[in-house]
Amino acid sequence: MMKFSYAKLLVSIVLVLLYFLGVEVGFPDGGSIGHYVYPLCHVNVWHLSANVLCLWLVVCDLHLLSSYFVAVLCSFLPCFVNEPTMGFSGVLFAMVGMSWGRVRRFREMLWRNKWFLVVPLFVPHVNGVLHVYCLVAGWLLGRSARISAHLNGDWL
């Protein structure tokens, strides 16, 4: 069941507006700026629709800014792609990873997301390696936030 969220609505509107304004910048072809803008760009309306739908299906805390920075940082790792990478999916994988990191369930996270991780590795025009990077980096960030909160006396 999709839960209404103003943050999800705002992000959805921004993604749709940027798509219809014709903004298409990805990495590696987009130069340095491509690494920072690629999560906001989409190749076609189906790609945009899939990412917006997944955004609305995500039931974890959004942590939009943190997830965005995880996706950007992961884009600088070797992704083994020859064509520009675009899409919000890296941010989505980082969100999911951060939520799982807070509960320290790495194996369960991998098991529950196995099809989302393995299948895209074999689908052309999908940067499956980036998805894996974002999920694991998000998990590490969520885990470190949990440890930090524990050391400060907060229990998550």
Foldseek 3Di string as FASTA:
>chain_A
DFDDDPVLVVLLVQLVVCAVVPDDAFPDVNPPVRLLCQASYDDDPVQSVVQSVLSRVDPADQVQVVLSVQLSVLVPPDQPDDDGHHHNLLSVLLRLLLRCLLVPDPVVSCVVCVCVQPVQVPDPPGSSVSSVSSNPSSSVVNNVVQVVCVVVVHHD
